[in-house]
Amino acid sequence: MDRLVGTLRDKQALAKLVGNAPSFAEAIKNLPAIAKSDVSVLITGDTGTGKELVARATHYLSNRAAYPFVPLNCGSFPEGLMEVELFGHERGAFTDAHAPRKGLLEQAEGGTLFLDEVDTLPVKAQVDLLRFLQDRSYRVVGSSAERRANVRIVSATNAPLLQQANLGQFRLDLYYRLCVFIVHLPALRERAEDIPLLAKHFLQKHTPHGRAALSLSAEALADLLLREWAGNVRELENAIVRGIHLSQSDVIEIGDLSLPPRGVGISPMSLGGAKLQDFRVMKRAAIECFEKSYLTQLMAQHHGNISTAALSSGKERRDLGRLLKKYNLNAKEFYATPARLPSGQRPKQV
């Protein structure tokens, strides 16, 4: 029974990590093993890529799942207050400390403390956290007695933390204590093939109870597929939420998403923001960027029907199938719902 409960819990934790793109699958493939290792984990990636979601999955996949998951945004507290938040204080430790207060370490006992934006941690708090990671002991503010806590530390950052550490802007010894494992999440533009799946997930998640099932028009989905998504998955989710509440029918159109005008053209530089490389490398990247964007828009417009898409694009069906496979694009993810088809017809299975 315990094994069955554990298996169901693991499936539930992983089910919230939506995506099949190779870059995303590679990022999370070792998450169950990492979670059960019980060592520190550093989650990196741009803003909005889902770092806290991965942190929560790490907790619920671990042997600490029955204990608290306590999140803390390190950028929320100024120098001097972070120690109080982390370690708590005794009565009379400072002005207005009229009663003792438990710190987050004590509140997370047995579980996981998640330190978001760990790069903003004040210097004094970095020293205290380093000491805790070394011997699991700490001192409550205003007390000379040492306490111990059985807490796992999972942290996250969208900053180049190692670079900051090498420049003296973050403690290098703390960095290496935090990053026993590193999980790097790709930007949404690097996993554009997951957009239909994510959009469907957010539609199911946010559609009010009792309202008819909603879908995106082919034009709306095609527009989503061609955007840069500076805000990543969080920005996409916000767009879907707007569409749900602004749509006057069961089909969400482009205007319902209330997105800013999309830039014209596709730039290979958007794939990584890196410096210019060898001409052949950049040319290949530009071609791959075009092919992937073209195919996702094509399949959206043809509701996942490979035969009609091939005819429209002037390619042999077999060649188009090979290209879809190359970019891990699944035609089923583009199937239209009955609401988007005339006379209640169902999509043709191809």
Protein backbone atom coordinates (compact mmCIF):
# COMPACT_ATOMS: atom_id res chain seq x y z
CA MET A 1 0.00 0.00 0.00
CA ASP A 2 2.80 2.44 0.88
CA ARG A 3 4.47 1.73 -2.46
CA LEU A 4 1.18 2.36 -4.31
CA VAL A 5 0.64 5.64 -2.46
CA GLY A 6 4.21 6.69 -3.26
CA THR A 7 3.77 5.86 -6.95
CA LEU A 8 0.52 7.85 -7.18
CA ARG A 9 2.17 10.79 -5.40
CA ASP A 10 5.11 10.73 -7.82
CA LYS A 11 2.79 10.69 -10.84
CA GLN A 12 0.82 13.63 -9.46
CA ALA A 13 3.99 15.65 -8.87
CA LEU A 14 5.32 14.97 -12.38
CA ALA A 15 1.92 15.58 -14.02
CA LYS A 16 2.23 19.28 -13.20
CA LEU A 17 5.41 19.53 -15.28
CA VAL A 18 3.79 19.89 -18.70
CA GLY A 19 5.90 19.44 -21.82
CA ASN A 20 7.40 16.93 -24.26
CA ALA A 21 10.04 19.08 -25.97
CA PRO A 22 13.51 17.46 -25.92
CA SER A 23 15.07 20.40 -24.06
CA PHE A 24 12.43 20.25 -21.33
CA ALA A 25 12.48 16.45 -21.11
CA GLU A 26 16.27 16.57 -20.75
CA ALA A 27 16.00 19.16 -17.96
CA ILE A 28 13.66 17.09 -15.79
CA LYS A 29 14.59 13.52 -16.73
CA ASN A 30 16.65 12.97 -13.57
CA LEU A 31 14.28 14.83 -11.24
CA PRO A 32 12.94 11.72 -9.42
CA ALA A 33 16.48 10.55 -8.63
CA ILE A 34 17.58 14.05 -7.66
CA ALA A 35 14.55 14.44 -5.39
CA LYS A 36 15.28 11.26 -3.49
CA SER A 37 18.97 12.12 -3.07
CA ASP A 38 18.11 14.61 -0.28
CA VAL A 39 20.95 17.01 -1.17
CA SER A 40 20.83 20.68 -2.16
CA VAL A 41 19.42 21.57 -5.57
CA LEU A 42 19.85 24.81 -7.54
CA ILE A 43 17.20 25.48 -10.19
CA THR A 44 18.18 27.97 -12.89
CA GLY A 45 16.33 29.53 -15.80
CA ASP A 46 14.72 32.73 -17.01
CA THR A 47 11.86 34.39 -15.16
CA GLY A 48 8.60 32.52 -15.70
CA THR A 49 10.06 29.16 -16.75
CA GLY A 50 8.52 27.31 -13.79
CA LYS A 51 11.33 27.14 -11.23
CA GLU A 52 9.03 27.02 -8.19
CA LEU A 53 6.94 24.32 -9.86
CA VAL A 54 10.08 22.20 -10.25
CA ALA A 55 11.05 22.97 -6.64
CA ARG A 56 7.66 21.75 -5.45
CA ALA A 57 7.96 18.64 -7.60
CA THR A 58 11.39 18.00 -6.09
CA HIS A 59 9.84 18.18 -2.63
CA TYR A 60 6.82 15.97 -3.38
CA LEU A 61 8.95 13.39 -5.17
CA SER A 62 11.24 13.14 -2.14
CA ASN A 63 10.95 11.28 1.14
CA ARG A 64 10.08 14.62 2.76
CA ALA A 65 6.73 14.92 0.96
CA ALA A 66 4.71 14.50 4.16
CA TYR A 67 6.44 17.50 5.74
CA PRO A 68 6.19 21.24 4.92
CA PHE A 69 7.32 22.92 1.73
CA VAL A 70 8.15 26.49 2.75
CA PRO A 71 8.93 29.08 0.01
CA LEU A 72 10.83 32.31 0.58
CA ASN A 73 11.60 35.06 -1.92
CA CYS A 74 15.02 36.29 -0.84
CA GLY A 75 14.50 39.64 -2.55
CA SER A 76 11.60 40.52 -0.27
CA PHE A 77 13.62 41.36 2.82
CA PRO A 78 16.29 44.04 3.40
CA GLU A 79 19.62 43.50 5.11
CA GLY A 80 19.06 42.72 8.80
CA LEU A 81 15.58 41.24 8.48
CA MET A 82 16.49 38.16 6.45
CA GLU A 83 18.18 36.50 9.46
CA VAL A 84 15.01 37.03 11.51
CA GLU A 85 12.89 35.53 8.73
CA LEU A 86 15.15 32.50 8.33
CA PHE A 87 16.10 31.77 11.94
CA GLY A 88 13.44 33.46 14.05
CA HIS A 89 14.03 35.63 17.13
CA GLU A 90 13.76 35.53 20.91
CA ARG A 91 11.65 37.89 22.93
CA GLY A 92 13.50 41.19 23.44
CA ALA A 93 16.02 40.49 20.66
CA PHE A 94 15.29 43.96 19.25
CA THR A 95 12.78 46.77 19.57
CA ASP A 96 9.20 45.53 19.18
CA ALA A 97 10.24 41.89 19.65
CA HIS A 98 7.59 41.42 22.31
CA ALA A 99 7.26 37.67 21.76
CA PRO A 100 9.49 34.94 20.32
CA ARG A 101 8.94 34.02 16.69
CA LYS A 102 9.70 30.84 14.78
CA GLY A 103 11.91 31.21 11.73
CA LEU A 104 11.25 29.50 8.42
CA LEU A 105 13.88 26.85 9.13
CA GLU A 106 11.93 25.73 12.17
CA GLN A 107 8.64 25.93 10.27
CA ALA A 108 10.09 23.71 7.52
CA GLU A 109 11.35 21.04 9.95
CA GLY A 110 11.52 17.68 8.21
CA GLY A 111 10.63 19.24 4.87
CA THR A 112 12.03 21.63 2.27
CA LEU A 113 12.94 25.32 2.40
CA PHE A 114 12.77 26.88 -1.05
CA LEU A 115 14.93 29.99 -1.51
CA ASP A 116 13.74 31.82 -4.63
CA GLU A 117 15.95 34.58 -6.11
CA VAL A 118 18.77 33.29 -3.93
CA ASP A 119 21.17 35.65 -5.74
CA THR A 120 19.58 38.55 -3.77
CA LEU A 121 20.41 37.01 -0.38
CA PRO A 122 22.19 39.62 1.83
CA VAL A 123 25.86 38.97 2.68
CA LYS A 124 25.24 38.30 6.38
CA ALA A 125 22.45 35.85 5.55
CA GLN A 126 24.78 34.10 3.06
CA VAL A 127 27.28 33.49 5.87
CA ASP A 128 24.60 32.13 8.20
CA LEU A 129 23.10 29.92 5.49
CA LEU A 130 26.54 28.55 4.61
CA ARG A 131 27.07 27.59 8.25
CA PHE A 132 23.70 25.85 8.34
CA LEU A 133 24.47 23.89 5.17
CA GLN A 134 27.81 22.81 6.66
CA ASP A 135 26.58 21.41 9.99
CA ARG A 136 22.77 21.88 10.06
CA SER A 137 22.99 24.21 13.05
CA TYR A 138 21.91 27.83 13.49
CA ARG A 139 21.23 30.44 16.13
CA VAL A 140 17.95 32.22 16.70
CA VAL A 141 18.41 36.01 16.68
CA GLY A 142 18.89 37.12 20.29
CA SER A 143 20.02 33.70 21.53
CA SER A 144 23.47 32.23 22.09
CA ALA A 145 22.23 28.63 22.04
CA GLU A 146 22.65 26.56 18.92
CA ARG A 147 19.72 24.74 17.38
CA ARG A 148 19.59 22.07 14.73
CA ALA A 149 17.14 21.59 11.89
CA ASN A 150 16.46 18.70 9.54
CA VAL A 151 15.62 20.73 6.43
CA ARG A 152 16.54 20.36 2.77
CA ILE A 153 17.51 23.52 0.87
CA VAL A 154 16.30 23.97 -2.71
CA SER A 155 17.13 27.33 -4.30
CA ALA A 156 16.44 29.08 -7.59
CA THR A 157 17.83 31.98 -9.57
CA ASN A 158 17.45 33.64 -12.96
CA ALA A 159 20.88 35.27 -12.57
CA PRO A 160 24.28 33.89 -13.71
CA LEU A 161 25.12 32.91 -10.13
CA LEU A 162 28.51 31.31 -10.80
CA GLN A 163 29.58 34.40 -12.74
CA GLN A 164 28.46 36.60 -9.86
CA ALA A 165 30.35 34.40 -7.42
CA ASN A 166 33.53 34.61 -9.48
CA LEU A 167 33.17 38.42 -9.45
CA GLY A 168 32.80 38.44 -5.67
CA GLN A 169 29.10 39.38 -5.78
CA PHE A 170 28.01 36.10 -4.18
CA ARG A 171 29.91 33.75 -1.88
CA LEU A 172 31.61 31.11 -4.01
CA ASP A 173 31.66 28.58 -1.15
CA LEU A 174 27.92 29.02 -0.68
CA TYR A 175 27.34 28.60 -4.42
CA TYR A 176 29.00 25.19 -4.35
CA ARG A 177 26.99 24.19 -1.29
CA LEU A 178 23.75 25.10 -3.06
CA CYS A 179 24.45 23.44 -6.42
CA VAL A 180 25.15 19.81 -5.65
CA PHE A 181 22.58 19.29 -8.40
CA ILE A 182 21.65 21.93 -10.99
CA VAL A 183 18.37 21.77 -12.91
CA HIS A 184 18.32 24.28 -15.77
CA LEU A 185 14.92 25.05 -17.32
CA PRO A 186 14.82 26.13 -20.97
CA ALA A 187 13.05 29.30 -22.08
CA LEU A 188 9.68 28.82 -23.76
CA ARG A 189 11.13 29.96 -27.11
CA GLU A 190 13.46 26.94 -26.90
CA ARG A 191 10.51 24.56 -26.47
CA ALA A 192 7.90 26.17 -28.74
CA GLU A 193 6.51 22.75 -29.67
CA ASP A 194 5.12 22.55 -26.12
CA ILE A 195 2.92 25.65 -26.57
CA PRO A 196 -0.19 23.73 -27.80
CA LEU A 197 0.12 21.31 -24.87
CA LEU A 198 0.66 24.10 -22.35
CA ALA A 199 -2.23 26.13 -23.77
CA LYS A 200 -4.54 23.13 -23.44
CA HIS A 201 -3.35 22.59 -19.87
CA PHE A 202 -4.04 26.21 -18.91
CA LEU A 203 -7.45 26.12 -20.57
CA GLN A 204 -8.40 23.12 -18.45
CA LYS A 205 -6.87 24.65 -15.33
CA HIS A 206 -8.50 28.10 -15.53
CA THR A 207 -11.85 27.59 -17.28
CA PRO A 208 -14.51 28.27 -14.63
CA HIS A 209 -16.47 25.28 -13.38
CA GLY A 210 -19.69 24.84 -15.31
CA ARG A 211 -18.54 26.71 -18.42
CA ALA A 212 -18.37 24.84 -21.73
CA ALA A 213 -14.95 23.57 -22.78
CA LEU A 214 -12.91 26.23 -24.58
CA SER A 215 -10.45 25.95 -27.43
CA LEU A 216 -8.11 28.22 -29.36
CA SER A 217 -8.80 29.12 -32.96
CA ALA A 218 -6.16 27.98 -35.45
CA GLU A 219 -5.17 31.61 -35.98
CA ALA A 220 -4.76 32.24 -32.24
CA LEU A 221 -2.64 29.13 -31.78
CA ALA A 222 -0.49 30.01 -34.77
CA ASP A 223 0.09 33.47 -33.30
CA LEU A 224 1.14 31.95 -29.95
CA LEU A 225 3.60 29.67 -31.71
CA LEU A 226 5.43 32.55 -33.39
CA ARG A 227 6.00 34.74 -30.33
CA GLU A 228 9.24 35.20 -28.40
CA TRP A 229 7.64 34.92 -24.92
CA ALA A 230 10.01 37.06 -22.86
CA GLY A 231 7.90 36.15 -19.82
CA ASN A 232 8.01 32.47 -20.73
CA VAL A 233 5.37 30.01 -19.48
CA ARG A 234 3.98 32.53 -17.00
CA GLU A 235 3.32 35.03 -19.82
CA LEU A 236 1.61 32.32 -21.88
CA GLU A 237 -0.57 31.35 -18.93
CA ASN A 238 -1.60 34.99 -18.43
CA ALA A 239 -2.60 35.21 -22.11
CA ILE A 240 -4.76 32.09 -21.83
CA VAL A 241 -6.43 33.42 -18.67
CA ARG A 242 -7.27 36.66 -20.49
CA GLY A 243 -8.65 34.69 -23.43
CA ILE A 244 -10.89 32.64 -21.16
CA HIS A 245 -12.49 35.70 -19.60
CA LEU A 246 -12.68 37.89 -22.71
CA SER A 247 -13.95 35.31 -25.20
CA GLN A 248 -17.66 35.60 -26.02
CA SER A 249 -17.87 32.05 -27.41
CA ASP A 250 -16.29 28.67 -26.87
CA VAL A 251 -13.49 29.50 -29.32
CA ILE A 252 -10.78 31.95 -28.21
CA GLU A 253 -9.62 34.26 -31.00
CA ILE A 254 -6.37 36.26 -31.29
CA GLY A 255 -7.98 39.46 -30.02
CA ASP A 256 -9.25 37.72 -26.87
CA LEU A 257 -5.65 37.07 -25.77
CA SER A 258 -4.90 40.83 -25.60
CA LEU A 259 -1.26 40.38 -26.62
CA PRO A 260 0.95 43.21 -27.92
CA PRO A 261 1.72 43.32 -31.66
CA ARG A 262 4.13 40.61 -32.66
CA GLY A 263 7.47 41.59 -34.17
CA VAL A 264 8.00 40.90 -37.85
CA GLY A 265 10.50 38.25 -38.86
CA ILE A 266 12.32 35.47 -37.09
CA SER A 267 15.79 36.00 -35.71
CA PRO A 268 18.17 33.11 -35.03
CA MET A 269 19.70 35.29 -32.33
CA SER A 270 16.51 34.82 -30.32
CA LEU A 271 17.39 31.18 -29.86
CA GLY A 272 20.02 31.91 -27.27
CA GLY A 273 21.01 35.55 -27.24
CA ALA A 274 24.60 34.46 -27.74
CA LYS A 275 27.42 36.27 -29.52
CA LEU A 276 27.79 35.75 -33.27
CA GLN A 277 29.28 32.36 -34.06
CA ASP A 278 30.68 30.70 -37.15
CA PHE A 279 28.69 31.63 -40.28
CA ARG A 280 27.71 28.04 -41.03
CA VAL A 281 26.54 27.50 -37.45
CA MET A 282 24.40 30.63 -37.52
CA LYS A 283 23.01 29.79 -40.96
CA ARG A 284 22.00 26.32 -39.79
CA ALA A 285 20.38 27.84 -36.68
CA ALA A 286 18.42 30.30 -38.83
CA ILE A 287 17.17 27.51 -41.11
CA GLU A 288 16.14 25.35 -38.15
CA CYS A 289 14.39 28.33 -36.55
CA PHE A 290 12.44 29.00 -39.75
CA GLU A 291 11.53 25.35 -40.33
CA LYS A 292 10.29 24.84 -36.78
CA SER A 293 8.23 28.05 -36.77
CA TYR A 294 6.80 27.34 -40.23
CA LEU A 295 5.83 23.77 -39.36
CA THR A 296 4.11 24.70 -36.09
CA GLN A 297 2.06 27.40 -37.83
CA LEU A 298 1.28 25.09 -40.77
CA MET A 299 0.04 22.27 -38.52
CA ALA A 300 -2.05 24.69 -36.47
CA GLN A 301 -3.75 26.04 -39.60
CA HIS A 302 -4.54 22.50 -40.79
CA HIS A 303 -5.63 21.21 -37.37
CA GLY A 304 -2.94 18.51 -37.34
CA ASN A 305 -3.94 16.99 -40.69
CA ILE A 306 -0.63 16.01 -42.28
CA SER A 307 -2.15 15.26 -45.69
CA THR A 308 -3.75 18.67 -46.21
CA ALA A 309 -0.75 20.41 -44.66
CA ALA A 310 1.58 18.66 -47.11
CA LEU A 311 -0.64 19.63 -50.03
CA SER A 312 -0.75 23.26 -48.89
CA SER A 313 3.01 23.46 -48.37
CA GLY A 314 3.92 21.76 -51.64
CA LYS A 315 5.81 18.94 -49.92
CA GLU A 316 5.39 15.19 -50.12
CA ARG A 317 3.47 13.80 -47.15
CA ARG A 318 6.39 11.52 -46.24
CA ASP A 319 8.88 14.41 -46.36
CA LEU A 320 6.63 16.55 -44.17
CA GLY A 321 6.32 13.67 -41.72
CA ARG A 322 10.12 13.42 -41.49
CA LEU A 323 10.39 17.16 -40.81
CA LEU A 324 7.76 16.95 -38.07
CA LYS A 325 9.65 14.09 -36.48
CA LYS A 326 12.91 16.05 -36.71
CA TYR A 327 11.44 18.83 -34.57
CA ASN A 328 9.47 16.49 -32.30
CA LEU A 329 6.14 17.97 -33.45
CA ASN A 330 3.21 15.66 -32.78
CA ALA A 331 0.28 16.17 -35.17
CA LYS A 332 -2.17 15.12 -32.46
CA GLU A 333 -1.33 18.22 -30.44
CA PHE A 334 -2.80 20.34 -33.26
CA TYR A 335 -6.06 18.46 -33.71
CA ALA A 336 -9.04 20.80 -33.76
CA THR A 337 -11.82 20.37 -31.25
CA PRO A 338 -15.37 19.81 -32.58
CA ALA A 339 -16.20 23.45 -31.76
CA ARG A 340 -13.77 24.62 -34.46
CA LEU A 341 -15.09 22.31 -37.19
CA PRO A 342 -18.17 22.84 -39.36
CA SER A 343 -21.37 20.85 -38.77
CA GLY A 344 -19.98 19.22 -35.63
CA GLN A 345 -17.50 17.10 -37.62
CA ARG A 346 -14.67 15.50 -35.75
CA PRO A 347 -11.06 15.95 -36.92
CA LYS A 348 -9.76 13.44 -39.39
CA GLN A 349 -7.23 11.12 -37.79
CA VAL A 350 -4.02 11.08 -39.79
